[in-house]
């Protein structure tokens, strides 16, 4: 298995694992809240929602299936997943399904806006947590960075990938709206703060004793 997964960092492993799973659970819940708000969802969720509306299955289940397909696209660009990558595929989708099943849908406009804004804020905190854990990127982020590493602009690659997911999802009936725009505009500035604040940079290992002089 170690041949296929990135090695685990050498320090604060339990803290990293706790931060990873707290972030993934919170991220799934945040996307569930944005879906419940019904005001438009993030680009990848537009795709998941469109697939759900067209072919059946729950939105979170499609998140898992799409994540697995994206992970397969890592093979030709020789990206190696980490524990966080594999966990991302499963935990976020299951949490989206649980949130949609357990949280009542809002009925008023103010409640829907509140739920949307809460979802965006929670997604930013969650991103800081699971990325800061340093246990591997999500499959979608890893695809973008892997393609960019082959000589392309990361901004251009990420934009192309996300716009493609959004366009396909919209064609399949996914919801594009104010929430989609709010998420796109807010996540960059918010994660600019949350990711550095929660980053567990690996500590350098102490140097061994200096060799004795001959």
N, C-alpha and C. Protein backbone atom coordinates (compact mmCIF):
# COMPACT_ATOMS: atom_id res chain seq x y z
N UNK A 1 0.83 -1.21 0.00
CA UNK A 1 0.00 0.00 0.00
C UNK A 1 0.86 1.26 0.00
N UNK A 2 2.02 1.20 0.67
CA UNK A 2 2.88 2.38 0.74
C UNK A 2 3.39 2.79 -0.63
N UNK A 3 3.38 1.84 -1.60
CA UNK A 3 3.81 2.19 -2.95
C UNK A 3 2.82 3.14 -3.62
N UNK A 4 1.55 3.09 -3.22
CA UNK A 4 0.51 3.86 -3.89
C UNK A 4 0.10 5.12 -3.12
N UNK A 5 0.31 5.12 -1.78
CA UNK A 5 -0.08 6.26 -0.97
C UNK A 5 1.15 7.06 -0.55
N UNK A 6 0.96 8.37 -0.42
CA UNK A 6 2.03 9.20 0.11
C UNK A 6 2.37 8.77 1.53
N UNK A 7 3.63 8.83 1.93
CA UNK A 7 3.98 8.49 3.31
C UNK A 7 3.37 9.47 4.29
N UNK A 8 3.05 8.99 5.48
CA UNK A 8 2.49 9.86 6.51
C UNK A 8 3.57 10.75 7.08
N UNK A 9 3.23 11.99 7.45
CA UNK A 9 4.23 12.86 8.07
C UNK A 9 4.76 12.24 9.36
N UNK A 10 5.94 12.66 9.73
CA UNK A 10 6.60 12.03 10.87
C UNK A 10 6.27 12.61 12.22
N UNK A 11 5.47 13.67 12.29
CA UNK A 11 5.20 14.26 13.61
C UNK A 11 3.71 14.58 13.76
N UNK A 12 3.23 14.58 14.98
CA UNK A 12 1.86 14.96 15.37
C UNK A 12 0.82 14.22 14.53
N UNK A 13 1.02 12.92 14.36
CA UNK A 13 0.15 12.16 13.45
C UNK A 13 -1.29 12.12 13.96
N UNK A 14 -1.48 11.88 15.26
CA UNK A 14 -2.85 11.82 15.79
C UNK A 14 -3.55 13.16 15.65
N UNK A 15 -2.83 14.24 15.88
CA UNK A 15 -3.42 15.58 15.71
C UNK A 15 -3.79 15.80 14.25
N UNK A 16 -2.93 15.37 13.35
CA UNK A 16 -3.21 15.53 11.92
C UNK A 16 -4.45 14.73 11.50
N UNK A 17 -4.55 13.51 11.98
CA UNK A 17 -5.70 12.68 11.61
C UNK A 17 -6.99 13.28 12.17
N UNK A 18 -6.94 13.76 13.42
CA UNK A 18 -8.11 14.40 14.00
C UNK A 18 -8.53 15.64 13.23
N UNK A 19 -7.54 16.45 12.85
CA UNK A 19 -7.83 17.67 12.08
C UNK A 19 -8.38 17.32 10.71
N UNK A 20 -7.82 16.28 10.09
CA UNK A 20 -8.30 15.84 8.77
C UNK A 20 -9.77 15.46 8.82
N UNK A 21 -10.14 14.57 9.73
CA UNK A 21 -11.51 14.07 9.73
C UNK A 21 -12.50 15.11 10.24
N UNK A 22 -12.06 15.97 11.16
CA UNK A 22 -12.94 17.08 11.57
C UNK A 22 -13.21 17.99 10.38
N UNK A 23 -12.16 18.26 9.59
CA UNK A 23 -12.33 19.12 8.42
C UNK A 23 -13.21 18.50 7.37
N UNK A 24 -13.03 17.20 7.11
CA UNK A 24 -13.84 16.53 6.08
C UNK A 24 -15.31 16.46 6.50
N UNK A 25 -15.57 16.15 7.76
CA UNK A 25 -16.96 16.11 8.24
C UNK A 25 -17.60 17.49 8.14
N UNK A 26 -16.86 18.51 8.55
CA UNK A 26 -17.38 19.87 8.49
C UNK A 26 -17.59 20.32 7.04
N UNK A 27 -16.69 19.91 6.15
CA UNK A 27 -16.81 20.28 4.75
C UNK A 27 -18.05 19.66 4.12
N UNK A 28 -18.28 18.37 4.40
CA UNK A 28 -19.48 17.72 3.89
C UNK A 28 -20.74 18.36 4.43
N UNK A 29 -20.74 18.69 5.73
CA UNK A 29 -21.90 19.35 6.32
C UNK A 29 -22.14 20.72 5.70
N UNK A 30 -21.05 21.46 5.43
CA UNK A 30 -21.20 22.80 4.85
C UNK A 30 -21.83 22.73 3.46
N UNK A 31 -21.44 21.74 2.67
CA UNK A 31 -22.02 21.61 1.34
C UNK A 31 -23.46 21.13 1.42
N UNK A 32 -23.77 20.32 2.42
CA UNK A 32 -25.16 19.94 2.64
C UNK A 32 -26.02 21.15 2.97
N UNK A 33 -25.50 22.07 3.78
CA UNK A 33 -26.25 23.28 4.13
C UNK A 33 -26.48 24.14 2.89
N UNK A 34 -25.48 24.27 2.04
CA UNK A 34 -25.65 25.07 0.83
C UNK A 34 -26.66 24.44 -0.12
N UNK A 35 -26.67 23.12 -0.18
CA UNK A 35 -27.67 22.43 -1.00
C UNK A 35 -29.08 22.67 -0.44
N UNK A 36 -29.22 22.62 0.87
CA UNK A 36 -30.52 22.84 1.51
C UNK A 36 -31.01 24.27 1.30
N UNK A 37 -30.07 25.22 1.26
CA UNK A 37 -30.47 26.62 1.07
C UNK A 37 -31.16 26.83 -0.27
N UNK A 38 -30.78 26.06 -1.29
CA UNK A 38 -31.47 26.15 -2.57
C UNK A 38 -31.25 27.44 -3.34
N UNK A 39 -30.09 28.08 -3.12
CA UNK A 39 -29.82 29.35 -3.78
C UNK A 39 -28.66 29.24 -4.77
N UNK A 40 -28.31 28.03 -5.13
CA UNK A 40 -27.15 27.81 -5.99
C UNK A 40 -26.03 27.21 -5.17
N UNK A 41 -25.29 26.30 -5.76
CA UNK A 41 -24.28 25.54 -5.02
C UNK A 41 -22.92 25.66 -5.70
N UNK A 42 -21.83 25.26 -5.02
CA UNK A 42 -20.49 25.32 -5.62
C UNK A 42 -20.41 24.51 -6.92
N UNK A 43 -19.42 24.83 -7.77
CA UNK A 43 -19.36 24.22 -9.10
C UNK A 43 -19.43 22.70 -9.12
N UNK A 44 -18.65 22.02 -8.30
CA UNK A 44 -18.68 20.56 -8.32
C UNK A 44 -20.02 20.02 -7.82
N UNK A 45 -20.65 20.72 -6.87
CA UNK A 45 -21.95 20.27 -6.40
C UNK A 45 -23.04 20.50 -7.44
N UNK A 46 -22.84 21.49 -8.33
CA UNK A 46 -23.77 21.63 -9.46
C UNK A 46 -23.76 20.34 -10.28
N UNK A 47 -22.56 19.81 -10.49
CA UNK A 47 -22.44 18.54 -11.23
C UNK A 47 -23.07 17.39 -10.46
N UNK A 48 -22.76 17.28 -9.17
CA UNK A 48 -23.31 16.18 -8.37
C UNK A 48 -24.84 16.26 -8.32
N UNK A 49 -25.35 17.47 -8.16
CA UNK A 49 -26.80 17.66 -8.10
C UNK A 49 -27.45 17.35 -9.44
N UNK A 50 -26.81 17.79 -10.53
CA UNK A 50 -27.35 17.50 -11.86
C UNK A 50 -27.38 16.01 -12.15
N UNK A 51 -26.33 15.30 -11.77
CA UNK A 51 -26.31 13.85 -11.95
C UNK A 51 -27.40 13.19 -11.12
N UNK A 52 -27.61 13.68 -9.90
CA UNK A 52 -28.64 13.13 -9.03
C UNK A 52 -30.03 13.33 -9.63
N UNK A 53 -30.28 14.52 -10.14
CA UNK A 53 -31.59 14.82 -10.71
C UNK A 53 -31.84 14.06 -12.02
N UNK A 54 -30.78 13.77 -12.74
CA UNK A 54 -30.93 13.11 -14.03
C UNK A 54 -30.98 11.59 -13.91
N UNK A 55 -30.11 11.05 -13.07
CA UNK A 55 -29.95 9.60 -13.02
C UNK A 55 -30.38 8.95 -11.70
N UNK A 56 -30.81 9.77 -10.73
CA UNK A 56 -31.14 9.21 -9.43
C UNK A 56 -29.90 9.13 -8.55
N UNK A 57 -30.02 8.47 -7.41
CA UNK A 57 -29.00 8.39 -6.36
C UNK A 57 -28.90 9.75 -5.65
N UNK A 58 -28.36 9.71 -4.44
CA UNK A 58 -28.25 10.92 -3.65
C UNK A 58 -27.08 11.78 -4.12
N UNK A 59 -27.15 13.06 -3.78
CA UNK A 59 -26.09 13.99 -4.20
C UNK A 59 -24.75 13.56 -3.63
N UNK A 60 -24.73 13.20 -2.34
CA UNK A 60 -23.48 12.77 -1.73
C UNK A 60 -22.92 11.51 -2.35
N UNK A 61 -23.80 10.63 -2.80
CA UNK A 61 -23.35 9.41 -3.47
C UNK A 61 -22.66 9.76 -4.78
N UNK A 62 -23.21 10.72 -5.51
CA UNK A 62 -22.56 11.16 -6.74
C UNK A 62 -21.23 11.86 -6.44
N UNK A 63 -21.15 12.55 -5.31
CA UNK A 63 -19.88 13.15 -4.92
C UNK A 63 -18.81 12.08 -4.75
N UNK A 64 -19.18 10.95 -4.16
CA UNK A 64 -18.24 9.84 -3.99
C UNK A 64 -17.85 9.26 -5.34
N UNK A 65 -18.84 9.01 -6.20
CA UNK A 65 -18.56 8.40 -7.50
C UNK A 65 -17.70 9.30 -8.39
N UNK A 66 -18.03 10.59 -8.42
CA UNK A 66 -17.24 11.53 -9.22
C UNK A 66 -15.83 11.64 -8.65
N UNK A 67 -15.72 11.69 -7.32
CA UNK A 67 -14.41 11.75 -6.70
C UNK A 67 -13.55 10.55 -7.05
N UNK A 68 -14.17 9.37 -7.11
CA UNK A 68 -13.43 8.16 -7.48
C UNK A 68 -12.96 8.23 -8.92
N UNK A 69 -13.81 8.74 -9.82
CA UNK A 69 -13.42 8.87 -11.23
C UNK A 69 -12.28 9.88 -11.37
N UNK A 70 -12.37 11.01 -10.66
CA UNK A 70 -11.31 12.01 -10.72
C UNK A 70 -10.01 11.42 -10.19
N UNK A 71 -10.10 10.62 -9.15
CA UNK A 71 -8.90 9.99 -8.60
C UNK A 71 -8.23 9.07 -9.63
N UNK A 72 -9.02 8.40 -10.44
CA UNK A 72 -8.45 7.56 -11.51
C UNK A 72 -7.69 8.40 -12.53
N UNK A 73 -8.12 9.66 -12.70
CA UNK A 73 -7.43 10.54 -13.65
C UNK A 73 -6.05 10.94 -13.15
N UNK A 74 -5.76 10.65 -11.87
CA UNK A 74 -4.42 10.92 -11.35
C UNK A 74 -3.39 9.96 -11.96
N UNK A 75 -3.84 8.79 -12.39
CA UNK A 75 -2.90 7.76 -12.84
C UNK A 75 -2.02 8.23 -14.00
N UNK A 76 -2.60 8.79 -15.08
CA UNK A 76 -1.72 9.19 -16.20
C UNK A 76 -0.81 10.37 -15.88
N UNK A 77 -1.15 11.16 -14.85
CA UNK A 77 -0.27 12.28 -14.50
C UNK A 77 0.61 11.93 -13.30
N UNK A 78 0.57 10.66 -12.89
CA UNK A 78 1.46 10.11 -11.88
C UNK A 78 1.41 10.86 -10.56
N UNK A 79 0.21 11.19 -10.13
CA UNK A 79 0.00 11.76 -8.81
C UNK A 79 -0.23 10.64 -7.81
N UNK A 80 0.29 10.78 -6.60
CA UNK A 80 0.08 9.78 -5.56
C UNK A 80 -0.88 10.35 -4.51
N UNK A 81 -1.95 9.64 -4.20
CA UNK A 81 -2.88 10.12 -3.16
C UNK A 81 -2.31 9.88 -1.77
N UNK A 82 -2.87 10.58 -0.82
CA UNK A 82 -2.55 10.35 0.58
C UNK A 82 -3.77 9.84 1.32
N UNK A 83 -3.62 9.62 2.61
CA UNK A 83 -4.75 9.21 3.43
C UNK A 83 -5.89 10.21 3.31
N UNK A 84 -5.54 11.50 3.30
CA UNK A 84 -6.56 12.53 3.19
C UNK A 84 -7.29 12.49 1.87
N UNK A 85 -6.61 12.09 0.80
CA UNK A 85 -7.23 12.03 -0.53
C UNK A 85 -8.31 10.95 -0.56
N UNK A 86 -7.96 9.76 -0.11
CA UNK A 86 -8.91 8.65 -0.11
C UNK A 86 -10.07 8.94 0.84
N UNK A 87 -9.76 9.49 2.01
CA UNK A 87 -10.80 9.81 2.98
C UNK A 87 -11.74 10.88 2.45
N UNK A 88 -11.18 11.85 1.71
CA UNK A 88 -11.98 12.92 1.11
C UNK A 88 -13.09 12.35 0.24
N UNK A 89 -12.75 11.37 -0.58
CA UNK A 89 -13.73 10.79 -1.51
C UNK A 89 -14.92 10.24 -0.75
N UNK A 90 -14.67 9.54 0.35
CA UNK A 90 -15.74 8.84 1.06
C UNK A 90 -16.46 9.72 2.08
N UNK A 91 -15.70 10.41 2.92
CA UNK A 91 -16.30 11.08 4.09
C UNK A 91 -17.18 12.24 3.67
N UNK A 92 -16.73 13.05 2.72
CA UNK A 92 -17.52 14.23 2.35
C UNK A 92 -18.86 13.81 1.76
N UNK A 93 -18.87 12.85 0.85
CA UNK A 93 -20.13 12.42 0.25
C UNK A 93 -21.09 11.83 1.26
N UNK A 94 -20.60 11.00 2.17
CA UNK A 94 -21.47 10.41 3.19
C UNK A 94 -22.03 11.49 4.11
N UNK A 95 -21.22 12.49 4.42
CA UNK A 95 -21.68 13.57 5.30
C UNK A 95 -22.70 14.46 4.61
N UNK A 96 -22.53 14.69 3.30
CA UNK A 96 -23.55 15.44 2.56
C UNK A 96 -24.90 14.72 2.65
N UNK A 97 -24.88 13.42 2.42
CA UNK A 97 -26.14 12.65 2.49
C UNK A 97 -26.75 12.73 3.88
N UNK A 98 -25.93 12.61 4.92
CA UNK A 98 -26.44 12.66 6.29
C UNK A 98 -27.02 14.04 6.61
N UNK A 99 -26.35 15.09 6.16
CA UNK A 99 -26.84 16.45 6.42
C UNK A 99 -28.18 16.69 5.73
N UNK A 100 -28.29 16.27 4.48
CA UNK A 100 -29.55 16.44 3.76
C UNK A 100 -30.69 15.65 4.40
N UNK A 101 -30.35 14.53 5.02
CA UNK A 101 -31.38 13.70 5.65
C UNK A 101 -31.79 14.22 7.02
N UNK A 102 -30.87 14.85 7.74
CA UNK A 102 -31.12 15.19 9.14
C UNK A 102 -31.50 16.65 9.38
N UNK A 103 -31.05 17.55 8.52
CA UNK A 103 -31.31 18.99 8.73
C UNK A 103 -32.55 19.39 7.95
N UNK A 104 -33.53 20.01 8.62
CA UNK A 104 -34.75 20.43 7.90
C UNK A 104 -34.43 21.52 6.87
N UNK A 105 -35.09 21.47 5.74
CA UNK A 105 -34.91 22.50 4.72
C UNK A 105 -35.54 23.80 5.20
N UNK A 106 -34.87 24.95 4.99
CA UNK A 106 -35.44 26.23 5.42
C UNK A 106 -36.66 26.60 4.58
N UNK A 107 -37.56 27.38 5.18
CA UNK A 107 -38.78 27.75 4.49
C UNK A 107 -38.83 29.21 4.07
N UNK A 108 -38.12 30.07 4.78
CA UNK A 108 -38.15 31.49 4.46
C UNK A 108 -36.90 31.96 3.78
N UNK A 109 -36.98 33.12 3.12
CA UNK A 109 -35.83 33.66 2.41
C UNK A 109 -34.66 33.97 3.32
N UNK A 110 -34.94 34.56 4.48
CA UNK A 110 -33.86 34.91 5.42
C UNK A 110 -33.15 33.65 5.91
N UNK A 111 -33.93 32.62 6.19
CA UNK A 111 -33.33 31.36 6.67
C UNK A 111 -32.47 30.73 5.59
N UNK A 112 -32.89 30.82 4.35
CA UNK A 112 -32.11 30.25 3.25
C UNK A 112 -30.79 31.00 3.06
N UNK A 113 -30.84 32.33 3.14
CA UNK A 113 -29.61 33.12 3.02
C UNK A 113 -28.67 32.82 4.17
N UNK A 114 -29.23 32.72 5.39
CA UNK A 114 -28.41 32.40 6.56
C UNK A 114 -27.73 31.05 6.40
N UNK A 115 -28.48 30.06 5.92
CA UNK A 115 -27.93 28.72 5.73
C UNK A 115 -26.82 28.74 4.67
N UNK A 116 -27.03 29.49 3.61
CA UNK A 116 -26.02 29.61 2.57
C UNK A 116 -24.73 30.21 3.12
N UNK A 117 -24.85 31.34 3.82
CA UNK A 117 -23.66 32.02 4.34
C UNK A 117 -22.96 31.17 5.39
N UNK A 118 -23.74 30.48 6.21
CA UNK A 118 -23.13 29.58 7.19
C UNK A 118 -22.37 28.46 6.48
N UNK A 119 -22.94 27.94 5.40
CA UNK A 119 -22.26 26.88 4.65
C UNK A 119 -20.95 27.36 4.05
N UNK A 120 -20.93 28.56 3.49
CA UNK A 120 -19.70 29.09 2.90
C UNK A 120 -18.63 29.29 3.98
N UNK A 121 -19.02 29.88 5.11
CA UNK A 121 -18.06 30.11 6.20
C UNK A 121 -17.51 28.79 6.73
N UNK A 122 -18.38 27.81 6.93
CA UNK A 122 -17.94 26.51 7.43
C UNK A 122 -17.03 25.81 6.42
N UNK A 123 -17.31 25.97 5.14
CA UNK A 123 -16.47 25.36 4.10
C UNK A 123 -15.06 25.93 4.14
N UNK A 124 -14.94 27.23 4.42
CA UNK A 124 -13.62 27.85 4.49
C UNK A 124 -12.83 27.31 5.69
N UNK A 125 -13.49 27.20 6.84
CA UNK A 125 -12.83 26.65 8.02
C UNK A 125 -12.45 25.19 7.79
N UNK A 126 -13.38 24.44 7.20
CA UNK A 126 -13.13 23.02 6.93
C UNK A 126 -11.97 22.84 5.96
N UNK A 127 -11.88 23.69 4.94
CA UNK A 127 -10.77 23.60 3.99
C UNK A 127 -9.44 23.82 4.70
N UNK A 128 -9.40 24.81 5.58
CA UNK A 128 -8.19 25.06 6.35
C UNK A 128 -7.79 23.86 7.17
N UNK A 129 -8.79 23.15 7.74
CA UNK A 129 -8.51 22.01 8.59
C UNK A 129 -7.97 20.82 7.80
N UNK A 130 -8.70 20.39 6.76
CA UNK A 130 -8.24 19.16 6.10
C UNK A 130 -7.03 19.39 5.22
N UNK A 131 -6.86 20.59 4.68
CA UNK A 131 -5.64 20.88 3.94
C UNK A 131 -4.47 21.07 4.90
N UNK A 132 -4.72 21.76 5.99
CA UNK A 132 -3.68 22.00 6.98
C UNK A 132 -3.16 20.74 7.63
N UNK A 133 -3.96 19.68 7.63
CA UNK A 133 -3.53 18.42 8.22
C UNK A 133 -2.34 17.82 7.48
N UNK A 134 -2.18 18.16 6.20
CA UNK A 134 -1.02 17.72 5.44
C UNK A 134 -1.01 16.24 5.12
N UNK A 135 -2.18 15.65 4.92
CA UNK A 135 -2.27 14.22 4.65
C UNK A 135 -2.73 13.92 3.23
N UNK A 136 -2.55 14.87 2.34
CA UNK A 136 -2.90 14.66 0.94
C UNK A 136 -4.06 15.53 0.52
N UNK A 137 -4.03 16.07 -0.71
CA UNK A 137 -5.10 16.93 -1.19
C UNK A 137 -6.33 16.13 -1.58
N UNK A 138 -7.45 16.82 -1.73
CA UNK A 138 -8.64 16.18 -2.26
C UNK A 138 -8.42 15.79 -3.71
N UNK A 139 -9.23 14.86 -4.24
CA UNK A 139 -9.01 14.40 -5.61
C UNK A 139 -9.13 15.51 -6.64
N UNK A 140 -10.06 16.43 -6.45
CA UNK A 140 -10.26 17.49 -7.43
C UNK A 140 -9.11 18.49 -7.39
N UNK A 141 -8.68 18.87 -6.18
CA UNK A 141 -7.53 19.78 -6.05
C UNK A 141 -6.27 19.13 -6.60
N UNK A 142 -6.08 17.84 -6.30
CA UNK A 142 -4.89 17.15 -6.77
C UNK A 142 -4.84 17.04 -8.29
N UNK A 143 -6.00 16.90 -8.92
CA UNK A 143 -6.03 16.86 -10.38
C UNK A 143 -5.54 18.18 -10.95
N UNK A 144 -6.02 19.29 -10.38
CA UNK A 144 -5.62 20.61 -10.88
C UNK A 144 -4.13 20.85 -10.67
N UNK A 145 -3.62 20.55 -9.48
CA UNK A 145 -2.20 20.80 -9.21
C UNK A 145 -1.32 19.85 -10.03
N UNK A 146 -1.79 18.62 -10.24
CA UNK A 146 -1.02 17.68 -11.05
C UNK A 146 -0.92 18.12 -12.49
N UNK A 147 -2.02 18.62 -13.06
CA UNK A 147 -1.98 19.12 -14.44
C UNK A 147 -1.12 20.37 -14.53
N UNK A 148 -1.21 21.24 -13.52
CA UNK A 148 -0.42 22.46 -13.52
C UNK A 148 1.08 22.15 -13.44
N UNK A 149 1.42 21.08 -12.74
CA UNK A 149 2.83 20.71 -12.59
C UNK A 149 3.45 20.28 -13.91
N UNK A 150 2.63 20.02 -14.90
CA UNK A 150 3.14 19.61 -16.22
C UNK A 150 3.35 20.81 -17.14
N UNK A 151 3.41 22.01 -16.54
CA UNK A 151 3.77 23.19 -17.31
C UNK A 151 2.61 24.12 -17.62
N UNK A 152 1.49 23.97 -16.92
CA UNK A 152 0.32 24.81 -17.17
C UNK A 152 0.09 25.74 -15.98
N UNK A 153 -0.63 26.81 -16.22
CA UNK A 153 -0.99 27.74 -15.15
C UNK A 153 -2.01 27.09 -14.22
N UNK A 154 -1.72 27.10 -12.92
CA UNK A 154 -2.65 26.51 -11.96
C UNK A 154 -4.00 27.22 -12.00
N UNK A 155 -3.98 28.54 -12.10
CA UNK A 155 -5.24 29.29 -12.15
C UNK A 155 -6.05 28.90 -13.38
N UNK A 156 -5.38 28.79 -14.53
CA UNK A 156 -6.08 28.44 -15.76
C UNK A 156 -6.62 27.01 -15.70
N UNK A 157 -5.80 26.08 -15.18
CA UNK A 157 -6.25 24.69 -15.09
C UNK A 157 -7.43 24.57 -14.14
N UNK A 158 -7.32 25.17 -12.97
CA UNK A 158 -8.40 25.07 -11.98
C UNK A 158 -9.68 25.68 -12.51
N UNK A 159 -9.57 26.85 -13.15
CA UNK A 159 -10.75 27.50 -13.71
C UNK A 159 -11.39 26.63 -14.79
N UNK A 160 -10.58 26.07 -15.67
CA UNK A 160 -11.11 25.23 -16.74
C UNK A 160 -11.82 24.00 -16.19
N UNK A 161 -11.20 23.35 -15.22
CA UNK A 161 -11.80 22.14 -14.64
C UNK A 161 -13.12 22.47 -13.95
N UNK A 162 -13.14 23.54 -13.14
CA UNK A 162 -14.34 23.86 -12.38
C UNK A 162 -15.46 24.38 -13.28
N UNK A 163 -15.11 25.19 -14.28
CA UNK A 163 -16.14 25.69 -15.19
C UNK A 163 -16.72 24.53 -16.00
N UNK A 164 -15.88 23.57 -16.37
CA UNK A 164 -16.38 22.40 -17.10
C UNK A 164 -17.35 21.59 -16.24
N UNK A 165 -17.00 21.38 -14.97
CA UNK A 165 -17.89 20.66 -14.06
C UNK A 165 -19.21 21.41 -13.88
N UNK A 166 -19.12 22.73 -13.73
CA UNK A 166 -20.32 23.55 -13.54
C UNK A 166 -21.20 23.49 -14.78
N UNK A 167 -20.60 23.64 -15.96
CA UNK A 167 -21.38 23.66 -17.20
C UNK A 167 -22.09 22.33 -17.42
N UNK A 168 -21.38 21.22 -17.21
CA UNK A 168 -22.01 19.92 -17.38
C UNK A 168 -23.12 19.71 -16.37
N UNK A 169 -22.86 20.13 -15.13
CA UNK A 169 -23.90 20.00 -14.10
C UNK A 169 -25.12 20.83 -14.41
N UNK A 170 -24.91 22.05 -14.92
CA UNK A 170 -26.05 22.91 -15.28
C UNK A 170 -26.87 22.29 -16.40
N UNK A 171 -26.19 21.70 -17.38
CA UNK A 171 -26.90 21.04 -18.47
C UNK A 171 -27.73 19.85 -17.96
N UNK A 172 -27.27 19.24 -16.88
CA UNK A 172 -27.98 18.10 -16.30
C UNK A 172 -29.05 18.51 -15.29
N UNK A 173 -29.17 19.82 -15.04
CA UNK A 173 -30.22 20.29 -14.15
C UNK A 173 -29.76 20.74 -12.79
N UNK A 174 -28.45 20.87 -12.59
CA UNK A 174 -27.94 21.37 -11.31
C UNK A 174 -28.24 22.84 -11.12
N UNK A 175 -28.25 23.28 -9.87
CA UNK A 175 -28.65 24.66 -9.53
C UNK A 175 -27.45 25.61 -9.57
N UNK A 176 -27.51 26.56 -10.47
CA UNK A 176 -26.54 27.65 -10.53
C UNK A 176 -27.27 28.92 -10.13
N UNK A 177 -26.75 29.62 -9.14
CA UNK A 177 -27.45 30.81 -8.67
C UNK A 177 -26.54 31.70 -7.86
N UNK A 178 -27.16 32.52 -7.01
CA UNK A 178 -26.40 33.47 -6.20
C UNK A 178 -25.40 32.74 -5.30
N UNK A 179 -25.80 31.59 -4.80
CA UNK A 179 -24.90 30.83 -3.93
C UNK A 179 -23.64 30.39 -4.63
N UNK A 180 -23.75 30.08 -5.92
CA UNK A 180 -22.58 29.69 -6.70
C UNK A 180 -21.60 30.85 -6.79
N UNK A 181 -22.14 32.05 -7.01
CA UNK A 181 -21.29 33.24 -7.13
C UNK A 181 -20.67 33.59 -5.79
N UNK A 182 -21.49 33.54 -4.72
CA UNK A 182 -20.97 33.87 -3.38
C UNK A 182 -19.83 32.92 -3.01
N UNK A 183 -20.02 31.63 -3.28
CA UNK A 183 -18.98 30.65 -2.96
C UNK A 183 -17.71 30.95 -3.75
N UNK A 184 -17.85 31.22 -5.04
CA UNK A 184 -16.68 31.46 -5.89
C UNK A 184 -15.91 32.70 -5.45
N UNK A 185 -16.63 33.77 -5.05
CA UNK A 185 -15.98 35.01 -4.65
C UNK A 185 -15.41 34.97 -3.25
N UNK A 186 -16.08 34.23 -2.35
CA UNK A 186 -15.70 34.28 -0.94
C UNK A 186 -14.63 33.28 -0.55
N UNK A 187 -14.58 32.12 -1.22
CA UNK A 187 -13.69 31.06 -0.74
C UNK A 187 -12.21 31.44 -0.84
N UNK A 188 -11.82 32.13 -1.88
CA UNK A 188 -10.42 32.52 -2.01
C UNK A 188 -9.95 33.39 -0.85
N UNK A 189 -10.63 34.54 -0.60
CA UNK A 189 -10.22 35.38 0.52
C UNK A 189 -10.32 34.68 1.88
N UNK A 190 -11.36 33.87 2.08
CA UNK A 190 -11.52 33.21 3.38
C UNK A 190 -10.43 32.17 3.62
N UNK A 191 -10.16 31.34 2.62
CA UNK A 191 -9.15 30.31 2.81
C UNK A 191 -7.74 30.90 2.83
N UNK A 192 -7.59 32.12 2.33
CA UNK A 192 -6.31 32.82 2.45
C UNK A 192 -5.93 32.98 3.92
N UNK A 193 -6.96 33.04 4.79
CA UNK A 193 -6.72 33.14 6.23
C UNK A 193 -6.77 31.78 6.92
N UNK A 194 -7.73 30.95 6.55
CA UNK A 194 -7.92 29.71 7.32
C UNK A 194 -6.84 28.67 7.05
N UNK A 195 -6.35 28.57 5.83
CA UNK A 195 -5.35 27.54 5.53
C UNK A 195 -4.03 27.81 6.26
N UNK A 196 -3.47 29.03 6.18
CA UNK A 196 -2.24 29.27 6.96
C UNK A 196 -2.45 29.13 8.47
N UNK A 197 -3.63 29.55 8.95
CA UNK A 197 -3.88 29.50 10.38
C UNK A 197 -3.91 28.09 10.92
N UNK A 198 -4.30 27.11 10.11
CA UNK A 198 -4.47 25.74 10.57
C UNK A 198 -3.43 24.79 9.99
N UNK A 199 -2.42 25.33 9.33
CA UNK A 199 -1.43 24.49 8.67
C UNK A 199 -0.48 23.87 9.69
N UNK A 200 -0.38 22.55 9.67
CA UNK A 200 0.56 21.84 10.53
C UNK A 200 1.81 21.52 9.73
N UNK A 201 2.64 22.50 9.53
CA UNK A 201 3.87 22.27 8.78
C UNK A 201 4.71 21.22 9.50
N UNK A 202 5.30 20.33 8.73
CA UNK A 202 6.08 19.26 9.35
C UNK A 202 7.34 19.85 9.98
N UNK A 203 7.56 19.50 11.23
CA UNK A 203 8.73 20.00 11.93
C UNK A 203 9.99 19.32 11.41
N UNK A 204 11.05 20.08 11.26
CA UNK A 204 12.30 19.44 10.83
C UNK A 204 12.81 18.49 11.90
N UNK A 205 13.33 17.37 11.46
CA UNK A 205 13.87 16.41 12.41
C UNK A 205 15.17 16.94 12.99
N UNK A 206 15.39 16.71 14.29
CA UNK A 206 16.64 17.20 14.88
C UNK A 206 17.85 16.54 14.24
N UNK A 207 18.89 17.34 14.08
CA UNK A 207 20.10 16.80 13.49
C UNK A 207 20.77 15.82 14.46
N UNK A 208 21.41 14.84 13.93
CA UNK A 208 22.13 13.88 14.77
C UNK A 208 23.36 14.51 15.38
N UNK A 209 24.01 13.79 16.30
CA UNK A 209 25.21 14.35 16.95
C UNK A 209 26.34 14.54 15.94
N UNK A 210 27.08 15.63 16.15
CA UNK A 210 28.19 15.91 15.24
C UNK A 210 29.25 14.83 15.36
N UNK A 211 29.86 14.43 14.24
CA UNK A 211 30.90 13.40 14.32
C UNK A 211 32.10 13.87 15.12
N UNK A 212 32.69 12.96 15.86
CA UNK A 212 33.87 13.29 16.65
C UNK A 212 35.05 13.57 15.72
N UNK A 213 35.83 14.54 16.10
CA UNK A 213 37.02 14.86 15.31
C UNK A 213 38.00 13.71 15.41
N UNK A 214 38.68 13.44 14.31
CA UNK A 214 39.67 12.34 14.31
C UNK A 214 40.87 12.72 15.17
